[in-house]
Amino acid sequence: MFSVPAFADNPIEKYIFYTKMELSKYVPKTEFNLSLQERNCLKNLKHDENIIIHKADKNNVTVIQNLSDYLEEGEKQLNDNIHYEQIQDINLKNTQKKVYEIIYKMKEENCIDEISFKYIKNEQNYIKTPFAYFLPKIHKLDREVLQNIENENNQIKTINVPGRPIISQCNGPLERLGRYLDYFLLPLVKTQKTYISDTGDLIRNIENCTFDNNVLLVTYDITSLYTNLRFEEITEALQKALDEHDKIEYSITKPTNNFLIEITKLILSNNEFTFHGKSYRQIIGASMGATASP
């Protein structure tokens, strides 16, 4: 019969044991920065199936929405018959076949290096169906709406919040091809005169400029810019940029411009995804969330 061995009468073992006991007294205890009531509220919110919790599109805040309102906003955008169309199902194997066809063709013409070819082919990777989600654009709420909320002492009420559509292509059939394309497009984008990387870049561009008193600095906010770009406009602009800046050097084999255009068309025209159990295809615009999108 098995029995627990007795503690050895060994001074060294005793010293180690009691040293561990003493050191354990100095291990910092976990302290909550929330009260018990607040922790219980968070727990209840986490398990509430009638709400959805998302990060806001901007402002780095957390937004809690009624699930029904969130789904209504998403389906309203996806069923407009302008930017998206509902499809019967998504054939991942068919999309993967199209990817294989183009990279094998590139390999035959020595337009792709072996490492990139194997990376895109990625036979062992599990293919996942892309899906859509919407980030609440609370910065787009009308001032009148916000004022009404403030006047009513911030009482909870139903507010129609627009959402920014994001298409998650992680492990999807086009993800790696998109990353490959993005490698060649990013340096190309930076050559454009209109390119501004961020707010700091804008400040650096104008801080040494001298303006007359009658000059006005104007900013524009274009509604749904990326989703309103037609496929033809995107490929035409890309073709022009490729022709004008064809001398950019890369560390890997650069495909011909025709292949880059062909890859772009393949990615744009096969942007298929699911939302709330339904399948859709984007028929105009570049999807946010895709690697090679603006």
C-alpha atoms as a PDB file:
ATOM      1  CA  MET A   1       0.000   0.000   0.000  1.00  0.00           C
ATOM      2  CA  PHE A   2       1.280   3.434  -0.944  1.00  0.00           C
ATOM      3  CA  SER A   3       2.042   5.825   1.890  1.00  0.00           C
ATOM      4  CA  VAL A   4       3.325   9.405   1.901  1.00  0.00           C
ATOM      5  CA  PRO A   5       7.039   9.344   2.727  1.00  0.00           C
ATOM      6  CA  ALA A   6       7.971  10.947   6.016  1.00  0.00           C
ATOM      7  CA  PHE A   7       9.796  14.278   5.990  1.00  0.00           C
ATOM      8  CA  ALA A   8      13.504  13.491   5.992  1.00  0.00           C
ATOM      9  CA  ASP A   9      15.444  14.473   9.090  1.00  0.00           C
ATOM     10  CA  ASN A  10      17.860  16.499   7.053  1.00  0.00           C
ATOM     11  CA  PRO A  11      18.993  20.027   8.089  1.00  0.00           C
ATOM     12  CA  ILE A  12      19.316  21.190   4.487  1.00  0.00           C
ATOM     13  CA  GLU A  13      15.811  20.048   3.546  1.00  0.00           C
ATOM     14  CA  LYS A  14      14.403  21.682   6.672  1.00  0.00           C
ATOM     15  CA  TYR A  15      16.194  24.919   5.856  1.00  0.00           C
ATOM     16  CA  ILE A  16      14.772  24.936   2.308  1.00  0.00           C
ATOM     17  CA  PHE A  17      11.267  24.172   3.553  1.00  0.00           C
ATOM     18  CA  TYR A  18      11.165  26.904   6.200  1.00  0.00           C
ATOM     19  CA  THR A  19      12.832  29.399   3.869  1.00  0.00           C
ATOM     20  CA  LYS A  20      10.053  28.846   1.327  1.00  0.00           C
ATOM     21  CA  MET A  21       7.472  29.330   4.054  1.00  0.00           C
ATOM     22  CA  GLU A  22       9.009  32.636   5.093  1.00  0.00           C
ATOM     23  CA  LEU A  23       9.369  33.902   1.526  1.00  0.00           C
ATOM     24  CA  SER A  24       5.737  33.086   0.785  1.00  0.00           C
ATOM     25  CA  LYS A  25       4.733  35.728   3.336  1.00  0.00           C
ATOM     26  CA  TYR A  26       6.153  38.431   1.064  1.00  0.00           C
ATOM     27  CA  VAL A  27       4.326  37.389  -2.105  1.00  0.00           C
ATOM     28  CA  PRO A  28       2.017  40.324  -2.922  1.00  0.00           C
ATOM     29  CA  LYS A  29      -1.660  39.525  -2.628  1.00  0.00           C
ATOM     30  CA  THR A  30      -4.029  40.262  -5.465  1.00  0.00           C
ATOM     31  CA  GLU A  31      -5.945  43.442  -4.792  1.00  0.00           C
ATOM     32  CA  PHE A  32      -8.981  44.426  -6.810  1.00  0.00           C
ATOM     33  CA  ASN A  33      -9.309  47.977  -8.062  1.00  0.00           C
ATOM     34  CA  LEU A  34     -13.070  47.498  -8.240  1.00  0.00           C
ATOM     35  CA  SER A  35     -15.594  47.062  -5.484  1.00  0.00           C
ATOM     36  CA  LEU A  36     -17.465  43.790  -5.026  1.00  0.00           C
ATOM     37  CA  GLN A  37     -20.594  45.392  -6.466  1.00  0.00           C
ATOM     38  CA  GLU A  38     -18.700  46.564  -9.548  1.00  0.00           C
ATOM     39  CA  ARG A  39     -17.153  43.127 -10.063  1.00  0.00           C
ATOM     40  CA  ASN A  40     -20.569  41.505  -9.842  1.00  0.00           C
ATOM     41  CA  CYS A  41     -21.925  43.996 -12.374  1.00  0.00           C
ATOM     42  CA  LEU A  42     -19.120  43.152 -14.806  1.00  0.00           C
ATOM     43  CA  LYS A  43     -19.752  39.452 -14.313  1.00  0.00           C
ATOM     44  CA  ASN A  44     -23.439  39.902 -15.070  1.00  0.00           C
ATOM     45  CA  LEU A  45     -22.670  41.986 -18.155  1.00  0.00           C
ATOM     46  CA  LYS A  46     -20.265  39.331 -19.409  1.00  0.00           C
ATOM     47  CA  HIS A  47     -22.988  36.676 -19.291  1.00  0.00           C
ATOM     48  CA  ASP A  48     -25.805  38.883 -20.595  1.00  0.00           C
ATOM     49  CA  GLU A  49     -26.749  37.490 -24.015  1.00  0.00           C
ATOM     50  CA  ASN A  50     -28.890  40.536 -24.844  1.00  0.00           C
ATOM     51  CA  ILE A  51     -25.957  42.929 -25.161  1.00  0.00           C
ATOM     52  CA  ILE A  52     -22.684  43.128 -27.057  1.00  0.00           C
ATOM     53  CA  ILE A  53     -19.530  44.836 -25.823  1.00  0.00           C
ATOM     54  CA  HIS A  54     -17.167  46.402 -28.338  1.00  0.00           C
ATOM     55  CA  LYS A  55     -14.329  48.856 -28.486  1.00  0.00           C
ATOM     56  CA  ALA A  56     -15.468  52.107 -30.091  1.00  0.00           C
ATOM     57  CA  ASP A  57     -14.281  52.940 -33.594  1.00  0.00           C
ATOM     58  CA  LYS A  58     -12.367  55.896 -32.133  1.00  0.00           C
ATOM     59  CA  ASN A  59     -11.764  57.564 -28.752  1.00  0.00           C
ATOM     60  CA  ASN A  60     -10.473  54.294 -27.228  1.00  0.00           C
ATOM     61  CA  VAL A  61     -13.558  53.683 -25.102  1.00  0.00           C
ATOM     62  CA  THR A  62     -15.771  50.663 -24.485  1.00  0.00           C
ATOM     63  CA  VAL A  63     -19.330  50.640 -25.783  1.00  0.00           C
ATOM     64  CA  ILE A  64     -22.186  48.425 -24.576  1.00  0.00           C
ATOM     65  CA  GLN A  65     -25.010  47.988 -27.082  1.00  0.00           C
ATOM     66  CA  ASN A  66     -28.253  46.096 -27.176  1.00  0.00           C
ATOM     67  CA  LEU A  67     -27.563  43.063 -29.339  1.00  0.00           C
ATOM     68  CA  SER A  68     -30.762  43.697 -31.300  1.00  0.00           C
ATOM     69  CA  ASP A  69     -29.653  47.263 -32.154  1.00  0.00           C
ATOM     70  CA  TYR A  70     -26.200  46.031 -33.176  1.00  0.00           C
ATOM     71  CA  LEU A  71     -27.612  43.338 -35.474  1.00  0.00           C
ATOM     72  CA  GLU A  72     -30.141  45.763 -36.944  1.00  0.00           C
ATOM     73  CA  GLU A  73     -27.385  48.245 -37.835  1.00  0.00           C
ATOM     74  CA  GLY A  74     -25.219  45.507 -39.353  1.00  0.00           C
ATOM     75  CA  GLU A  75     -27.989  44.015 -41.476  1.00  0.00           C
ATOM     76  CA  LYS A  76     -29.115  47.482 -42.587  1.00  0.00           C
ATOM     77  CA  GLN A  77     -25.654  48.134 -44.034  1.00  0.00           C
ATOM     78  CA  LEU A  78     -25.172  44.690 -45.534  1.00  0.00           C
ATOM     79  CA  ASN A  79     -28.610  44.595 -47.174  1.00  0.00           C
ATOM     80  CA  ASP A  80     -28.357  47.950 -48.969  1.00  0.00           C
ATOM     81  CA  ASN A  81     -27.727  46.127 -52.304  1.00  0.00           C
ATOM     82  CA  ILE A  82     -25.110  48.759 -53.192  1.00  0.00           C
ATOM     83  CA  HIS A  83     -21.960  47.715 -51.372  1.00  0.00           C
ATOM     84  CA  TYR A  84     -22.825  44.089 -50.597  1.00  0.00           C
ATOM     85  CA  GLU A  85     -24.927  41.255 -51.916  1.00  0.00           C
ATOM     86  CA  GLN A  86     -26.233  38.245 -50.042  1.00  0.00           C
ATOM     87  CA  ILE A  87     -25.046  34.897 -51.387  1.00  0.00           C
ATOM     88  CA  GLN A  88     -26.173  31.330 -50.806  1.00  0.00           C
ATOM     89  CA  ASP A  89     -22.950  30.102 -49.259  1.00  0.00           C
ATOM     90  CA  ILE A  90     -19.183  30.649 -49.248  1.00  0.00           C
ATOM     91  CA  ASN A  91     -16.983  28.238 -51.170  1.00  0.00           C
ATOM     92  CA  LEU A  92     -13.620  28.532 -49.435  1.00  0.00           C
ATOM     93  CA  LYS A  93     -12.052  25.807 -51.573  1.00  0.00           C
ATOM     94  CA  ASN A  94     -13.014  27.634 -54.753  1.00  0.00           C
ATOM     95  CA  THR A  95     -11.380  30.850 -53.526  1.00  0.00           C
ATOM     96  CA  GLN A  96      -8.297  28.918 -52.482  1.00  0.00           C
ATOM     97  CA  LYS A  97      -8.191  27.347 -55.946  1.00  0.00           C
ATOM     98  CA  LYS A  98      -8.116  30.820 -57.524  1.00  0.00           C
ATOM     99  CA  VAL A  99      -5.206  31.764 -55.269  1.00  0.00           C
ATOM    100  CA  TYR A 100      -3.322  28.614 -56.263  1.00  0.00           C
ATOM    101  CA  GLU A 101      -3.914  29.273 -59.950  1.00  0.00           C
ATOM    102  CA  ILE A 102      -2.348  32.714 -59.837  1.00  0.00           C
ATOM    103  CA  ILE A 103       0.669  31.818 -57.685  1.00  0.00           C
ATOM    104  CA  TYR A 104       1.457  28.724 -59.795  1.00  0.00           C
ATOM    105  CA  LYS A 105       1.267  30.913 -62.882  1.00  0.00           C
ATOM    106  CA  MET A 106       3.633  33.398 -61.232  1.00  0.00           C
ATOM    107  CA  LYS A 107       6.014  30.583 -60.340  1.00  0.00           C
ATOM    108  CA  GLU A 108       6.089  29.349 -63.934  1.00  0.00           C
ATOM    109  CA  GLU A 109       7.084  32.842 -65.077  1.00  0.00           C
ATOM    110  CA  ASN A 110       9.649  33.282 -62.270  1.00  0.00           C
ATOM    111  CA  CYS A 111       7.676  36.173 -60.786  1.00  0.00           C
ATOM    112  CA  ILE A 112       7.619  34.890 -57.215  1.00  0.00           C
ATOM    113  CA  ASP A 113      10.335  33.575 -54.921  1.00  0.00           C
ATOM    114  CA  GLU A 114      10.088  30.123 -53.377  1.00  0.00           C
ATOM    115  CA  ILE A 115       9.625  31.328 -49.793  1.00  0.00           C
ATOM    116  CA  SER A 116       6.718  33.604 -50.734  1.00  0.00           C
ATOM    117  CA  PHE A 117       5.187  30.851 -52.845  1.00  0.00           C
ATOM    118  CA  LYS A 118       5.222  28.373 -49.956  1.00  0.00           C
ATOM    119  CA  TYR A 119       3.975  31.036 -47.544  1.00  0.00           C
ATOM    120  CA  ILE A 120       0.916  31.821 -49.665  1.00  0.00           C
ATOM    121  CA  LYS A 121       0.233  28.192 -50.565  1.00  0.00           C
ATOM    122  CA  ASN A 122       0.294  27.146 -46.903  1.00  0.00           C
ATOM    123  CA  GLU A 123      -1.303  23.734 -47.426  1.00  0.00           C
ATOM    124  CA  GLN A 124      -1.284  22.798 -43.738  1.00  0.00           C
ATOM    125  CA  ASN A 125      -3.135  25.891 -42.517  1.00  0.00           C
ATOM    126  CA  TYR A 126      -6.744  25.619 -41.397  1.00  0.00           C
ATOM    127  CA  ILE A 127      -8.971  27.791 -43.595  1.00  0.00           C
ATOM    128  CA  LYS A 128     -11.421  29.909 -41.666  1.00  0.00           C
ATOM    129  CA  THR A 129     -14.485  31.672 -43.027  1.00  0.00           C
ATOM    130  CA  PRO A 130     -14.087  35.481 -42.838  1.00  0.00           C
ATOM    131  CA  PHE A 131     -16.706  37.288 -40.794  1.00  0.00           C
ATOM    132  CA  ALA A 132     -17.953  40.849 -40.362  1.00  0.00           C
ATOM    133  CA  TYR A 133     -18.364  42.899 -37.226  1.00  0.00           C
ATOM    134  CA  PHE A 134     -19.163  46.555 -36.631  1.00  0.00           C
ATOM    135  CA  LEU A 135     -17.351  49.066 -34.439  1.00  0.00           C
ATOM    136  CA  PRO A 136     -19.729  51.682 -32.988  1.00  0.00           C
ATOM    137  CA  LYS A 137     -18.917  55.155 -34.312  1.00  0.00           C
ATOM    138  CA  ILE A 138     -19.950  57.129 -31.253  1.00  0.00           C
ATOM    139  CA  HIS A 139     -17.922  60.115 -32.493  1.00  0.00           C
ATOM    140  CA  LYS A 140     -20.484  60.404 -35.299  1.00  0.00           C
ATOM    141  CA  LEU A 141     -23.423  61.000 -32.971  1.00  0.00           C
ATOM    142  CA  ASP A 142     -25.165  64.320 -33.550  1.00  0.00           C
ATOM    143  CA  ARG A 143     -24.457  67.038 -31.027  1.00  0.00           C
ATOM    144  CA  GLU A 144     -28.194  67.381 -30.516  1.00  0.00           C
ATOM    145  CA  VAL A 145     -28.413  63.729 -29.455  1.00  0.00           C
ATOM    146  CA  LEU A 146     -25.504  64.106 -27.050  1.00  0.00           C
ATOM    147  CA  GLN A 147     -27.000  67.290 -25.632  1.00  0.00           C
ATOM    148  CA  ASN A 148     -30.322  65.552 -25.021  1.00  0.00           C
ATOM    149  CA  ILE A 149     -28.562  62.760 -23.150  1.00  0.00           C
ATOM    150  CA  GLU A 150     -26.729  65.277 -21.005  1.00  0.00           C
ATOM    151  CA  ASN A 151     -29.921  67.209 -20.273  1.00  0.00           C
ATOM    152  CA  GLU A 152     -31.638  64.008 -19.154  1.00  0.00           C
ATOM    153  CA  ASN A 153     -28.929  63.320 -16.578  1.00  0.00           C
ATOM    154  CA  ASN A 154     -27.306  60.600 -18.692  1.00  0.00           C
ATOM    155  CA  GLN A 155     -30.296  58.295 -18.402  1.00  0.00           C
ATOM    156  CA  ILE A 156     -29.949  55.140 -20.462  1.00  0.00           C
ATOM    157  CA  LYS A 157     -32.011  55.318 -23.628  1.00  0.00           C
ATOM    158  CA  THR A 158     -32.054  53.811 -27.099  1.00  0.00           C
ATOM    159  CA  ILE A 159     -29.681  55.559 -29.511  1.00  0.00           C
ATOM    160  CA  ASN A 160     -29.069  54.599 -33.128  1.00  0.00           C
ATOM    161  CA  VAL A 161     -25.292  54.332 -33.360  1.00  0.00           C
ATOM    162  CA  PRO A 162     -23.704  53.929 -36.818  1.00  0.00           C
ATOM    163  CA  GLY A 163     -21.127  51.165 -37.152  1.00  0.00           C
ATOM    164  CA  ARG A 164     -17.903  50.840 -39.108  1.00  0.00           C
ATOM    165  CA  PRO A 165     -17.871  47.508 -40.975  1.00  0.00           C
ATOM    166  CA  ILE A 166     -14.752  45.432 -40.366  1.00  0.00           C
ATOM    167  CA  ILE A 167     -14.122  42.194 -42.259  1.00  0.00           C
ATOM    168  CA  SER A 168     -11.909  39.819 -40.308  1.00  0.00           C
ATOM    169  CA  GLN A 169      -9.929  37.665 -42.744  1.00  0.00           C
ATOM    170  CA  CYS A 170      -7.710  35.969 -40.166  1.00  0.00           C
ATOM    171  CA  ASN A 171      -6.823  32.495 -41.474  1.00  0.00           C
ATOM    172  CA  GLY A 172      -9.100  33.110 -44.446  1.00  0.00           C
ATOM    173  CA  PRO A 173      -8.224  31.966 -47.978  1.00  0.00           C
ATOM    174  CA  LEU A 174      -7.072  35.471 -49.011  1.00  0.00           C
ATOM    175  CA  GLU A 175      -5.213  36.563 -45.882  1.00  0.00           C
ATOM    176  CA  ARG A 176      -1.693  35.520 -46.900  1.00  0.00           C
ATOM    177  CA  LEU A 177      -2.095  36.675 -50.477  1.00  0.00           C
ATOM    178  CA  GLY A 178      -3.247  40.026 -49.066  1.00  0.00           C
ATOM    179  CA  ARG A 179      -0.169  40.291 -46.855  1.00  0.00           C
ATOM    180  CA  TYR A 180       2.018  39.503 -49.848  1.00  0.00           C
ATOM    181  CA  LEU A 181       0.326  42.235 -51.900  1.00  0.00           C
ATOM    182  CA  ASP A 182       0.551  44.715 -49.022  1.00  0.00           C
ATOM    183  CA  TYR A 183       4.339  44.261 -48.927  1.00  0.00           C
ATOM    184  CA  PHE A 184       4.600  45.729 -52.428  1.00  0.00           C
ATOM    185  CA  LEU A 185       1.873  48.355 -52.066  1.00  0.00           C
ATOM    186  CA  LEU A 186       3.021  50.037 -48.854  1.00  0.00           C
ATOM    187  CA  PRO A 187       6.272  51.516 -50.268  1.00  0.00           C
ATOM    188  CA  LEU A 188       4.290  52.536 -53.346  1.00  0.00           C
ATOM    189  CA  VAL A 189       1.735  54.419 -51.253  1.00  0.00           C
ATOM    190  CA  LYS A 190       4.503  56.345 -49.489  1.00  0.00           C
ATOM    191  CA  THR A 191       5.718  57.755 -52.814  1.00  0.00           C
ATOM    192  CA  GLN A 192       2.436  59.583 -53.410  1.00  0.00           C
ATOM    193  CA  LYS A 193       2.387  63.357 -52.899  1.00  0.00           C
ATOM    194  CA  THR A 194      -0.894  63.067 -51.002  1.00  0.00           C
ATOM    195  CA  TYR A 195       0.472  60.540 -48.503  1.00  0.00           C
ATOM    196  CA  ILE A 196       0.232  61.510 -44.815  1.00  0.00           C
ATOM    197  CA  SER A 197       0.933  58.762 -42.299  1.00  0.00           C
ATOM    198  CA  ASP A 198      -0.564  60.339 -39.187  1.00  0.00           C
ATOM    199  CA  THR A 199      -1.222  63.597 -37.324  1.00  0.00           C
ATOM    200  CA  GLY A 200       2.459  64.041 -36.501  1.00  0.00           C
ATOM    201  CA  ASP A 201       3.353  63.709 -40.171  1.00  0.00           C
ATOM    202  CA  LEU A 202       0.800  66.399 -41.051  1.00  0.00           C
ATOM    203  CA  ILE A 203       2.268  68.782 -38.474  1.00  0.00           C
ATOM    204  CA  ARG A 204       5.796  68.200 -39.776  1.00  0.00           C
ATOM    205  CA  ASN A 205       4.609  68.956 -43.299  1.00  0.00           C
ATOM    206  CA  ILE A 206       2.994  72.289 -42.472  1.00  0.00           C
ATOM    207  CA  GLU A 207       4.967  73.627 -39.497  1.00  0.00           C
ATOM    208  CA  ASN A 208       7.552  75.320 -41.722  1.00  0.00           C
ATOM    209  CA  CYS A 209       5.041  76.588 -44.267  1.00  0.00           C
ATOM    210  CA  THR A 210       4.156  80.265 -44.497  1.00  0.00           C
ATOM    211  CA  PHE A 211       0.536  81.118 -45.234  1.00  0.00           C
ATOM    212  CA  ASP A 212      -1.078  84.389 -46.254  1.00  0.00           C
ATOM    213  CA  ASN A 213      -3.766  85.857 -44.033  1.00  0.00           C
ATOM    214  CA  ASN A 214      -6.476  84.920 -46.500  1.00  0.00           C
ATOM    215  CA  VAL A 215      -5.553  81.214 -46.552  1.00  0.00           C
ATOM    216  CA  LEU A 216      -8.008  78.830 -44.911  1.00  0.00           C
ATOM    217  CA  LEU A 217      -7.053  75.330 -43.772  1.00  0.00           C
ATOM    218  CA  VAL A 218      -9.969  73.027 -44.488  1.00  0.00           C
ATOM    219  CA  THR A 219     -10.593  69.423 -43.445  1.00  0.00           C
ATOM    220  CA  TYR A 220     -13.085  67.035 -45.009  1.00  0.00           C
ATOM    221  CA  ASP A 221     -14.807  64.010 -43.559  1.00  0.00           C
ATOM    222  CA  ILE A 222     -15.821  61.605 -46.308  1.00  0.00           C
ATOM    223  CA  THR A 223     -18.544  59.195 -45.295  1.00  0.00           C
ATOM    224  CA  SER A 224     -17.584  55.530 -45.828  1.00  0.00           C
ATOM    225  CA  LEU A 225     -14.642  56.388 -48.074  1.00  0.00           C
ATOM    226  CA  TYR A 226     -13.188  52.890 -48.455  1.00  0.00           C
ATOM    227  CA  THR A 227     -16.512  51.164 -49.046  1.00  0.00           C
ATOM    228  CA  ASN A 228     -17.435  53.626 -51.801  1.00  0.00           C
ATOM    229  CA  LEU A 229     -14.345  53.076 -53.950  1.00  0.00           C
ATOM    230  CA  ARG A 230     -15.259  51.178 -57.095  1.00  0.00           C
ATOM    231  CA  PHE A 231     -13.066  48.244 -58.052  1.00  0.00           C
ATOM    232  CA  GLU A 232     -12.238  49.856 -61.393  1.00  0.00           C
ATOM    233  CA  GLU A 233     -11.146  53.098 -59.716  1.00  0.00           C
ATOM    234  CA  ILE A 234      -8.894  51.207 -57.314  1.00  0.00           C
ATOM    235  CA  THR A 235      -7.151  49.180 -60.013  1.00  0.00           C
ATOM    236  CA  GLU A 236      -6.808  52.190 -62.337  1.00  0.00           C
ATOM    237  CA  ALA A 237      -5.177  54.258 -59.588  1.00  0.00           C
ATOM    238  CA  LEU A 238      -2.899  51.343 -58.708  1.00  0.00           C
ATOM    239  CA  GLN A 239      -1.911  50.818 -62.346  1.00  0.00           C
ATOM    240  CA  LYS A 240      -0.994  54.503 -62.673  1.00  0.00           C
ATOM    241  CA  ALA A 241       1.086  54.450 -59.481  1.00  0.00           C
ATOM    242  CA  LEU A 242       2.893  51.266 -60.555  1.00  0.00           C
ATOM    243  CA  ASP A 243       3.750  52.750 -63.938  1.00  0.00           C
ATOM    244  CA  GLU A 244       5.063  55.975 -62.397  1.00  0.00           C
ATOM    245  CA  HIS A 245       7.146  54.304 -59.673  1.00  0.00           C
ATOM    246  CA  ASP A 246       8.391  51.112 -61.261  1.00  0.00           C
ATOM    247  CA  LYS A 247      11.930  51.410 -59.878  1.00  0.00           C
ATOM    248  CA  ILE A 248      11.218  50.692 -56.217  1.00  0.00           C
ATOM    249  CA  GLU A 249      13.581  48.020 -54.916  1.00  0.00           C
ATOM    250  CA  TYR A 250      12.355  45.130 -52.780  1.00  0.00           C
ATOM    251  CA  SER A 251      14.197  42.423 -50.869  1.00  0.00           C
ATOM    252  CA  ILE A 252      12.166  39.666 -52.548  1.00  0.00           C
ATOM    253  CA  THR A 253      11.226  38.976 -56.148  1.00  0.00           C
ATOM    254  CA  LYS A 254       8.740  41.564 -57.348  1.00  0.00           C
ATOM    255  CA  PRO A 255       5.918  40.306 -59.580  1.00  0.00           C
ATOM    256  CA  THR A 256       5.135  42.107 -62.792  1.00  0.00           C
ATOM    257  CA  ASN A 257       2.696  44.996 -62.564  1.00  0.00           C
ATOM    258  CA  ASN A 258       0.121  42.887 -64.382  1.00  0.00           C
ATOM    259  CA  PHE A 259       0.331  40.216 -61.698  1.00  0.00           C
ATOM    260  CA  LEU A 260      -0.048  42.806 -58.928  1.00  0.00           C
ATOM    261  CA  ILE A 261      -3.175  44.132 -60.639  1.00  0.00           C
ATOM    262  CA  GLU A 262      -4.485  40.592 -61.082  1.00  0.00           C
ATOM    263  CA  ILE A 263      -3.928  39.826 -57.386  1.00  0.00           C
ATOM    264  CA  THR A 264      -5.709  43.044 -56.420  1.00  0.00           C
ATOM    265  CA  LYS A 265      -8.715  42.168 -58.573  1.00  0.00           C
ATOM    266  CA  LEU A 266      -8.824  38.667 -57.101  1.00  0.00           C
ATOM    267  CA  ILE A 267      -8.858  39.977 -53.529  1.00  0.00           C
ATOM    268  CA  LEU A 268     -11.450  42.677 -54.224  1.00  0.00           C
ATOM    269  CA  SER A 269     -13.875  40.468 -56.131  1.00  0.00           C
ATOM    270  CA  ASN A 270     -13.742  37.530 -53.706  1.00  0.00           C
ATOM    271  CA  ASN A 271     -14.305  39.330 -50.425  1.00  0.00           C
ATOM    272  CA  GLU A 272     -16.891  36.948 -48.981  1.00  0.00           C
ATOM    273  CA  PHE A 273     -17.846  36.746 -45.317  1.00  0.00           C
ATOM    274  CA  THR A 274     -20.592  35.891 -42.839  1.00  0.00           C
ATOM    275  CA  PHE A 275     -22.647  37.964 -40.421  1.00  0.00           C
ATOM    276  CA  HIS A 276     -25.306  36.639 -38.051  1.00  0.00           C
ATOM    277  CA  GLY A 277     -25.593  33.337 -39.892  1.00  0.00           C
ATOM    278  CA  LYS A 278     -25.845  34.836 -43.391  1.00  0.00           C
ATOM    279  CA  SER A 279     -23.271  34.962 -46.190  1.00  0.00           C
ATOM    280  CA  TYR A 280     -22.340  38.088 -48.132  1.00  0.00           C
ATOM    281  CA  ARG A 281     -20.001  39.309 -50.859  1.00  0.00           C
ATOM    282  CA  GLN A 282     -18.688  42.863 -51.134  1.00  0.00           C
ATOM    283  CA  ILE A 283     -19.411  44.246 -54.623  1.00  0.00           C
ATOM    284  CA  ILE A 284     -17.924  47.717 -54.271  1.00  0.00           C
ATOM    285  CA  GLY A 285     -15.140  49.180 -52.165  1.00  0.00           C
ATOM    286  CA  ALA A 286     -12.192  47.902 -50.176  1.00  0.00           C
ATOM    287  CA  SER A 287     -13.038  46.251 -46.884  1.00  0.00           C
ATOM    288  CA  MET A 288     -11.645  47.554 -43.634  1.00  0.00           C
ATOM    289  CA  GLY A 289      -9.823  44.789 -41.820  1.00  0.00           C
ATOM    290  CA  ALA A 290      -8.219  43.295 -44.913  1.00  0.00           C
ATOM    291  CA  THR A 291      -4.421  43.464 -44.892  1.00  0.00           C
ATOM    292  CA  ALA A 292      -4.070  45.148 -48.268  1.00  0.00           C
ATOM    293  CA  SER A 293      -6.814  47.728 -47.700  1.00  0.00           C
ATOM    294  CA  PRO A 294      -5.915  51.431 -47.429  1.00  0.00           C
END
